[in-house]
Amino acid sequence: MEKEFAFNLGDKVWLMHNNGVVCGNIAKMFYVKNVSCVDYETISENERYYVSLNDKSIGDYEKKDLFGTKENLIKSL
């Protein structure tokens, strides 16, 4: 199985961090797909991105929280 990510390592992304708009870089990416051990049918997927700012990690974020441009981030608010 191949997973196509929305962003790549090193991409600049815009996000909200500490109540402010910042531009960081994708440092790591994580993806997992699980089948429920309760009903063996429900499938859950998790795609997260670890973002760094000035070479310091500021946390991991879901795809829905990251934007390719500042304008797209502002439109989402």
PDB file of N, CA and C in Angstrom:
ATOM      1  N   MET A   1       0.838  -1.181   0.000  1.00  0.00           N
ATOM      2  CA  MET A   1       0.000   0.000   0.000  1.00  0.00           C
ATOM      3  C   MET A   1       0.885   1.247   0.000  1.00  0.00           C
ATOM      4  N   GLU A   2       0.544   2.200  -0.830  1.00  0.00           N
ATOM      5  CA  GLU A   2       1.246   3.467  -0.871  1.00  0.00           C
ATOM      6  C   GLU A   2       0.343   4.560  -0.346  1.00  0.00           C
ATOM      7  N   LYS A   3       0.903   5.435   0.454  1.00  0.00           N
ATOM      8  CA  LYS A   3       0.160   6.568   1.015  1.00  0.00           C
ATOM      9  C   LYS A   3       0.692   7.845   0.388  1.00  0.00           C
ATOM     10  N   GLU A   4      -0.196   8.665  -0.143  1.00  0.00           N
ATOM     11  CA  GLU A   4       0.190   9.952  -0.693  1.00  0.00           C
ATOM     12  C   GLU A   4      -0.162  11.025   0.336  1.00  0.00           C
ATOM     13  N   PHE A   5       0.851  11.724   0.815  1.00  0.00           N
ATOM     14  CA  PHE A   5       0.662  12.754   1.823  1.00  0.00           C
ATOM     15  C   PHE A   5       0.312  14.083   1.166  1.00  0.00           C
ATOM     16  N   ALA A   6      -0.377  14.932   1.902  1.00  0.00           N
ATOM     17  CA  ALA A   6      -0.737  16.261   1.407  1.00  0.00           C
ATOM     18  C   ALA A   6       0.487  17.174   1.362  1.00  0.00           C
ATOM     19  N   PHE A   7       1.443  16.952   2.268  1.00  0.00           N
ATOM     20  CA  PHE A   7       2.664  17.745   2.343  1.00  0.00           C
ATOM     21  C   PHE A   7       3.865  16.803   2.331  1.00  0.00           C
ATOM     22  N   ASN A   8       5.023  17.337   2.006  1.00  0.00           N
ATOM     23  CA  ASN A   8       6.259  16.562   1.987  1.00  0.00           C
ATOM     24  C   ASN A   8       7.240  17.111   3.017  1.00  0.00           C
ATOM     25  N   LEU A   9       8.254  16.326   3.328  1.00  0.00           N
ATOM     26  CA  LEU A   9       9.289  16.782   4.249  1.00  0.00           C
ATOM     27  C   LEU A   9       9.897  18.079   3.732  1.00  0.00           C
ATOM     28  N   GLY A  10      10.062  19.041   4.629  1.00  0.00           N
ATOM     29  CA  GLY A  10      10.666  20.315   4.271  1.00  0.00           C
ATOM     30  C   GLY A  10       9.696  21.352   3.742  1.00  0.00           C
ATOM     31  N   ASP A  11       8.462  20.957   3.435  1.00  0.00           N
ATOM     32  CA  ASP A  11       7.475  21.925   2.936  1.00  0.00           C
ATOM     33  C   ASP A  11       7.196  22.997   3.982  1.00  0.00           C
ATOM     34  N   LYS A  12       7.002  24.227   3.523  1.00  0.00           N
ATOM     35  CA  LYS A  12       6.581  25.308   4.410  1.00  0.00           C
ATOM     36  C   LYS A  12       5.063  25.221   4.557  1.00  0.00           C
ATOM     37  N   VAL A  13       4.596  25.314   5.788  1.00  0.00           N
ATOM     38  CA  VAL A  13       3.159  25.283   6.067  1.00  0.00           C
ATOM     39  C   VAL A  13       2.808  26.414   7.031  1.00  0.00           C
ATOM     40  N   TRP A  14       1.588  26.885   6.894  1.00  0.00           N
ATOM     41  CA  TRP A  14       1.063  27.929   7.767  1.00  0.00           C
ATOM     42  C   TRP A  14       0.094  27.295   8.750  1.00  0.00           C
ATOM     43  N   LEU A  15       0.159  27.744  10.016  1.00  0.00           N
ATOM     44  CA  LEU A  15      -0.697  27.183  11.047  1.00  0.00           C
ATOM     45  C   LEU A  15      -0.854  28.161  12.196  1.00  0.00           C
ATOM     46  N   MET A  16      -1.797  27.855  13.062  1.00  0.00           N
ATOM     47  CA  MET A  16      -1.989  28.630  14.282  1.00  0.00           C
ATOM     48  C   MET A  16      -1.188  27.960  15.389  1.00  0.00           C
ATOM     49  N   HIS A  17      -0.354  28.756  16.072  1.00  0.00           N
ATOM     50  CA  HIS A  17       0.457  28.235  17.181  1.00  0.00           C
ATOM     51  C   HIS A  17       0.528  29.316  18.253  1.00  0.00           C
ATOM     52  N   ASN A  18       0.153  28.969  19.474  1.00  0.00           N
ATOM     53  CA  ASN A  18       0.126  29.930  20.596  1.00  0.00           C
ATOM     54  C   ASN A  18      -0.654  31.193  20.230  1.00  0.00           C
ATOM     55  N   ASN A  19      -1.835  31.000  19.645  1.00  0.00           N
ATOM     56  CA  ASN A  19      -2.748  32.086  19.274  1.00  0.00           C
ATOM     57  C   ASN A  19      -2.159  33.055  18.251  1.00  0.00           C
ATOM     58  N   GLY A  20      -1.229  32.572  17.454  1.00  0.00           N
ATOM     59  CA  GLY A  20      -0.658  33.407  16.409  1.00  0.00           C
ATOM     60  C   GLY A  20      -0.445  32.616  15.134  1.00  0.00           C
ATOM     61  N   VAL A  21      -0.345  33.321  14.020  1.00  0.00           N
ATOM     62  CA  VAL A  21      -0.096  32.693  12.727  1.00  0.00           C
ATOM     63  C   VAL A  21       1.406  32.545  12.550  1.00  0.00           C
ATOM     64  N   VAL A  22       1.860  31.308  12.266  1.00  0.00           N
ATOM     65  CA  VAL A  22       3.286  31.058  12.047  1.00  0.00           C
ATOM     66  C   VAL A  22       3.477  30.233  10.781  1.00  0.00           C
ATOM     67  N   CYS A  23       4.669  30.341  10.234  1.00  0.00           N
ATOM     68  CA  CYS A  23       5.060  29.541   9.083  1.00  0.00           C
ATOM     69  C   CYS A  23       6.173  28.614   9.537  1.00  0.00           C
ATOM     70  N   GLY A  24       5.919  27.310   9.479  1.00  0.00           N
ATOM     71  CA  GLY A  24       6.905  26.324   9.908  1.00  0.00           C
ATOM     72  C   GLY A  24       7.248  25.380   8.769  1.00  0.00           C
ATOM     73  N   ASN A  25       8.087  24.407   9.067  1.00  0.00           N
ATOM     74  CA  ASN A  25       8.509  23.400   8.093  1.00  0.00           C
ATOM     75  C   ASN A  25       8.106  22.014   8.574  1.00  0.00           C
ATOM     76  N   ILE A  26       7.713  21.154   7.628  1.00  0.00           N
ATOM     77  CA  ILE A  26       7.403  19.771   7.967  1.00  0.00           C
ATOM     78  C   ILE A  26       8.711  19.058   8.284  1.00  0.00           C
ATOM     79  N   ALA A  27       8.833  18.539   9.502  1.00  0.00           N
ATOM     80  CA  ALA A  27      10.048  17.849   9.932  1.00  0.00           C
ATOM     81  C   ALA A  27       9.881  16.331   9.846  1.00  0.00           C
ATOM     82  N   LYS A  28       8.688  15.840  10.173  1.00  0.00           N
ATOM     83  CA  LYS A  28       8.388  14.403  10.130  1.00  0.00           C
ATOM     84  C   LYS A  28       6.932  14.230   9.758  1.00  0.00           C
ATOM     85  N   MET A  29       6.623  13.038   9.264  1.00  0.00           N
ATOM     86  CA  MET A  29       5.237  12.709   8.922  1.00  0.00           C
ATOM     87  C   MET A  29       4.913  11.344   9.519  1.00  0.00           C
ATOM     88  N   PHE A  30       3.647  11.159   9.839  1.00  0.00           N
ATOM     89  CA  PHE A  30       3.214   9.921  10.477  1.00  0.00           C
ATOM     90  C   PHE A  30       1.858   9.528   9.916  1.00  0.00           C
ATOM     91  N   TYR A  31       1.699   8.252   9.610  1.00  0.00           N
ATOM     92  CA  TYR A  31       0.409   7.751   9.115  1.00  0.00           C
ATOM     93  C   TYR A  31       0.186   6.349   9.677  1.00  0.00           C
ATOM     94  N   VAL A  32      -1.026   6.100  10.137  1.00  0.00           N
ATOM     95  CA  VAL A  32      -1.395   4.766  10.602  1.00  0.00           C
ATOM     96  C   VAL A  32      -2.842   4.497  10.208  1.00  0.00           C
ATOM     97  N   LYS A  33      -3.108   3.255   9.844  1.00  0.00           N
ATOM     98  CA  LYS A  33      -4.453   2.821   9.482  1.00  0.00           C
ATOM     99  C   LYS A  33      -4.765   1.590  10.319  1.00  0.00           C
ATOM    100  N   ASN A  34      -5.862   1.635  11.063  1.00  0.00           N
ATOM    101  CA  ASN A  34      -6.226   0.560  11.984  1.00  0.00           C
ATOM    102  C   ASN A  34      -7.618   0.012  11.686  1.00  0.00           C
ATOM    103  N   VAL A  35      -7.787  -1.260  11.979  1.00  0.00           N
ATOM    104  CA  VAL A  35      -9.093  -1.894  11.934  1.00  0.00           C
ATOM    105  C   VAL A  35      -9.534  -2.085  13.381  1.00  0.00           C
ATOM    106  N   SER A  36     -10.777  -1.738  13.664  1.00  0.00           N
ATOM    107  CA  SER A  36     -11.307  -1.828  15.021  1.00  0.00           C
ATOM    108  C   SER A  36     -11.240  -3.257  15.551  1.00  0.00           C
ATOM    109  N   CYS A  37     -10.787  -3.391  16.781  1.00  0.00           N
ATOM    110  CA  CYS A  37     -10.766  -4.712  17.420  1.00  0.00           C
ATOM    111  C   CYS A  37     -12.122  -5.032  18.057  1.00  0.00           C
ATOM    112  N   VAL A  38     -13.083  -4.112  17.971  1.00  0.00           N
ATOM    113  CA  VAL A  38     -14.422  -4.332  18.514  1.00  0.00           C
ATOM    114  C   VAL A  38     -15.329  -4.969  17.472  1.00  0.00           C
ATOM    115  N   ASP A  39     -15.423  -4.329  16.285  1.00  0.00           N
ATOM    116  CA  ASP A  39     -16.328  -4.877  15.271  1.00  0.00           C
ATOM    117  C   ASP A  39     -15.584  -5.413  14.035  1.00  0.00           C
ATOM    118  N   TYR A  40     -14.288  -5.248  13.987  1.00  0.00           N
ATOM    119  CA  TYR A  40     -13.436  -5.747  12.889  1.00  0.00           C
ATOM    120  C   TYR A  40     -13.851  -5.215  11.513  1.00  0.00           C
ATOM    121  N   GLU A  41     -14.596  -4.110  11.488  1.00  0.00           N
ATOM    122  CA  GLU A  41     -15.021  -3.506  10.231  1.00  0.00           C
ATOM    123  C   GLU A  41     -14.655  -2.026  10.149  1.00  0.00           C
ATOM    124  N   THR A  42     -14.752  -1.338  11.266  1.00  0.00           N
ATOM    125  CA  THR A  42     -14.481   0.090  11.288  1.00  0.00           C
ATOM    126  C   THR A  42     -12.991   0.336  11.080  1.00  0.00           C
ATOM    127  N   ILE A  43     -12.696   1.194  10.115  1.00  0.00           N
ATOM    128  CA  ILE A  43     -11.306   1.520   9.810  1.00  0.00           C
ATOM    129  C   ILE A  43     -11.056   2.977  10.192  1.00  0.00           C
ATOM    130  N   SER A  44      -9.988   3.206  10.938  1.00  0.00           N
ATOM    131  CA  SER A  44      -9.616   4.576  11.297  1.00  0.00           C
ATOM    132  C   SER A  44      -8.238   4.884  10.714  1.00  0.00           C
ATOM    133  N   GLU A  45      -8.082   6.123  10.251  1.00  0.00           N
ATOM    134  CA  GLU A  45      -6.813   6.566   9.687  1.00  0.00           C
ATOM    135  C   GLU A  45      -6.345   7.817  10.419  1.00  0.00           C
ATOM    136  N   ASN A  46      -5.060   7.928  10.610  1.00  0.00           N
ATOM    137  CA  ASN A  46      -4.490   9.082  11.286  1.00  0.00           C
ATOM    138  C   ASN A  46      -3.259   9.539  10.513  1.00  0.00           C
ATOM    139  N   GLU A  47      -3.303  10.779  10.037  1.00  0.00           N
ATOM    140  CA  GLU A  47      -2.187  11.382   9.307  1.00  0.00           C
ATOM    141  C   GLU A  47      -1.773  12.629  10.079  1.00  0.00           C
ATOM    142  N   ARG A  48      -0.540  12.642  10.569  1.00  0.00           N
ATOM    143  CA  ARG A  48      -0.063  13.772  11.371  1.00  0.00           C
ATOM    144  C   ARG A  48       1.279  14.249  10.841  1.00  0.00           C
ATOM    145  N   TYR A  49       1.531  15.521  11.081  1.00  0.00           N
ATOM    146  CA  TYR A  49       2.760  16.157  10.628  1.00  0.00           C
ATOM    147  C   TYR A  49       3.442  16.829  11.813  1.00  0.00           C
ATOM    148  N   TYR A  50       4.725  16.570  11.967  1.00  0.00           N
ATOM    149  CA  TYR A  50       5.517  17.229  12.992  1.00  0.00           C
ATOM    150  C   TYR A  50       6.122  18.475  12.360  1.00  0.00           C
ATOM    151  N   VAL A  51       5.874  19.618  12.985  1.00  0.00           N
ATOM    152  CA  VAL A  51       6.284  20.904  12.415  1.00  0.00           C
ATOM    153  C   VAL A  51       7.377  21.523  13.274  1.00  0.00           C
ATOM    154  N   SER A  52       8.377  22.104  12.593  1.00  0.00           N
ATOM    155  CA  SER A  52       9.436  22.804  13.306  1.00  0.00           C
ATOM    156  C   SER A  52       9.451  24.272  12.887  1.00  0.00           C
ATOM    157  N   LEU A  53       9.897  25.101  13.804  1.00  0.00           N
ATOM    158  CA  LEU A  53      10.006  26.538  13.579  1.00  0.00           C
ATOM    159  C   LEU A  53      11.386  26.944  14.068  1.00  0.00           C
ATOM    160  N   ASN A  54      12.199  27.480  13.185  1.00  0.00           N
ATOM    161  CA  ASN A  54      13.584  27.829  13.519  1.00  0.00           C
ATOM    162  C   ASN A  54      14.338  26.615  14.078  1.00  0.00           C
ATOM    163  N   ASP A  55      14.170  25.474  13.430  1.00  0.00           N
ATOM    164  CA  ASP A  55      14.815  24.203  13.799  1.00  0.00           C
ATOM    165  C   ASP A  55      14.428  23.696  15.188  1.00  0.00           C
ATOM    166  N   LYS A  56      13.303  24.168  15.728  1.00  0.00           N
ATOM    167  CA  LYS A  56      12.802  23.687  17.015  1.00  0.00           C
ATOM    168  C   LYS A  56      11.397  23.149  16.802  1.00  0.00           C
ATOM    169  N   SER A  57      11.138  21.922  17.267  1.00  0.00           N
ATOM    170  CA  SER A  57       9.831  21.307  17.099  1.00  0.00           C
ATOM    171  C   SER A  57       8.777  22.077  17.884  1.00  0.00           C
ATOM    172  N   ILE A  58       7.646  22.356  17.217  1.00  0.00           N
ATOM    173  CA  ILE A  58       6.549  23.052  17.905  1.00  0.00           C
ATOM    174  C   ILE A  58       5.335  22.142  18.079  1.00  0.00           C
ATOM    175  N   GLY A  59       5.448  20.874  17.676  1.00  0.00           N
ATOM    176  CA  GLY A  59       4.359  19.938  17.905  1.00  0.00           C
ATOM    177  C   GLY A  59       3.953  19.188  16.659  1.00  0.00           C
ATOM    178  N   ASP A  60       2.962  18.324  16.849  1.00  0.00           N
ATOM    179  CA  ASP A  60       2.428  17.579  15.715  1.00  0.00           C
ATOM    180  C   ASP A  60       0.999  18.027  15.461  1.00  0.00           C
ATOM    181  N   TYR A  61       0.633  18.067  14.170  1.00  0.00           N
ATOM    182  CA  TYR A  61      -0.648  18.620  13.755  1.00  0.00           C
ATOM    183  C   TYR A  61      -1.323  17.712  12.749  1.00  0.00           C
ATOM    184  N   GLU A  62      -2.642  17.768  12.726  1.00  0.00           N
ATOM    185  CA  GLU A  62      -3.409  17.047  11.718  1.00  0.00           C
ATOM    186  C   GLU A  62      -3.384  17.829  10.415  1.00  0.00           C
ATOM    187  N   LYS A  63      -3.635  17.131   9.335  1.00  0.00           N
ATOM    188  CA  LYS A  63      -3.633  17.748   8.013  1.00  0.00           C
ATOM    189  C   LYS A  63      -4.591  18.938   7.951  1.00  0.00           C
ATOM    190  N   LYS A  64      -5.741  18.830   8.611  1.00  0.00           N
ATOM    191  CA  LYS A  64      -6.756  19.881   8.564  1.00  0.00           C
ATOM    192  C   LYS A  64      -6.295  21.185   9.215  1.00  0.00           C
ATOM    193  N   ASP A  65      -5.233  21.129  10.024  1.00  0.00           N
ATOM    194  CA  ASP A  65      -4.738  22.313  10.723  1.00  0.00           C
ATOM    195  C   ASP A  65      -3.598  23.008   9.995  1.00  0.00           C
ATOM    196  N   LEU A  66      -3.159  22.463   8.865  1.00  0.00           N
ATOM    197  CA  LEU A  66      -2.021  23.013   8.124  1.00  0.00           C
ATOM    198  C   LEU A  66      -2.471  23.547   6.774  1.00  0.00           C
ATOM    199  N   PHE A  67      -1.838  24.622   6.338  1.00  0.00           N
ATOM    200  CA  PHE A  67      -2.216  25.276   5.092  1.00  0.00           C
ATOM    201  C   PHE A  67      -0.967  25.623   4.290  1.00  0.00           C
ATOM    202  N   GLY A  68      -1.094  25.524   2.986  1.00  0.00           N
ATOM    203  CA  GLY A  68       0.022  25.813   2.093  1.00  0.00           C
ATOM    204  C   GLY A  68       0.312  27.290   1.947  1.00  0.00           C
ATOM    205  N   THR A  69      -0.688  28.139   2.179  1.00  0.00           N
ATOM    206  CA  THR A  69      -0.498  29.586   2.077  1.00  0.00           C
ATOM    207  C   THR A  69      -1.126  30.286   3.276  1.00  0.00           C
ATOM    208  N   LYS A  70      -0.620  31.458   3.560  1.00  0.00           N
ATOM    209  CA  LYS A  70      -1.167  32.258   4.651  1.00  0.00           C
ATOM    210  C   LYS A  70      -2.611  32.663   4.342  1.00  0.00           C
ATOM    211  N   GLU A  71      -2.881  32.936   3.077  1.00  0.00           N
ATOM    212  CA  GLU A  71      -4.229  33.338   2.675  1.00  0.00           C
ATOM    213  C   GLU A  71      -5.250  32.238   2.958  1.00  0.00           C
ATOM    214  N   ASN A  72      -4.879  30.979   2.667  1.00  0.00           N
ATOM    215  CA  ASN A  72      -5.801  29.861   2.943  1.00  0.00           C
ATOM    216  C   ASN A  72      -6.040  29.689   4.431  1.00  0.00           C
ATOM    217  N   LEU A  73      -5.013  29.901   5.233  1.00  0.00           N
ATOM    218  CA  LEU A  73      -5.173  29.820   6.687  1.00  0.00           C
ATOM    219  C   LEU A  73      -6.150  30.886   7.155  1.00  0.00           C
ATOM    220  N   ILE A  74      -5.966  32.112   6.710  1.00  0.00           N
ATOM    221  CA  ILE A  74      -6.832  33.219   7.129  1.00  0.00           C
ATOM    222  C   ILE A  74      -8.272  32.982   6.693  1.00  0.00           C
ATOM    223  N   LYS A  75      -8.471  32.440   5.496  1.00  0.00           N
ATOM    224  CA  LYS A  75      -9.831  32.137   5.020  1.00  0.00           C
ATOM    225  C   LYS A  75     -10.514  31.108   5.902  1.00  0.00           C
ATOM    226  N   SER A  76      -9.739  30.201   6.506  1.00  0.00           N
ATOM    227  CA  SER A  76     -10.330  29.130   7.312  1.00  0.00           C
ATOM    228  C   SER A  76     -10.777  29.614   8.691  1.00  0.00           C
ATOM    229  N   LEU A  77     -10.337  30.787   9.097  1.00  0.00           N
ATOM    230  CA  LEU A  77     -10.659  31.287  10.442  1.00  0.00           C
ATOM    231  C   LEU A  77     -12.052  31.835  10.527  1.00  0.00           C
TER     232      LEU A  77
END
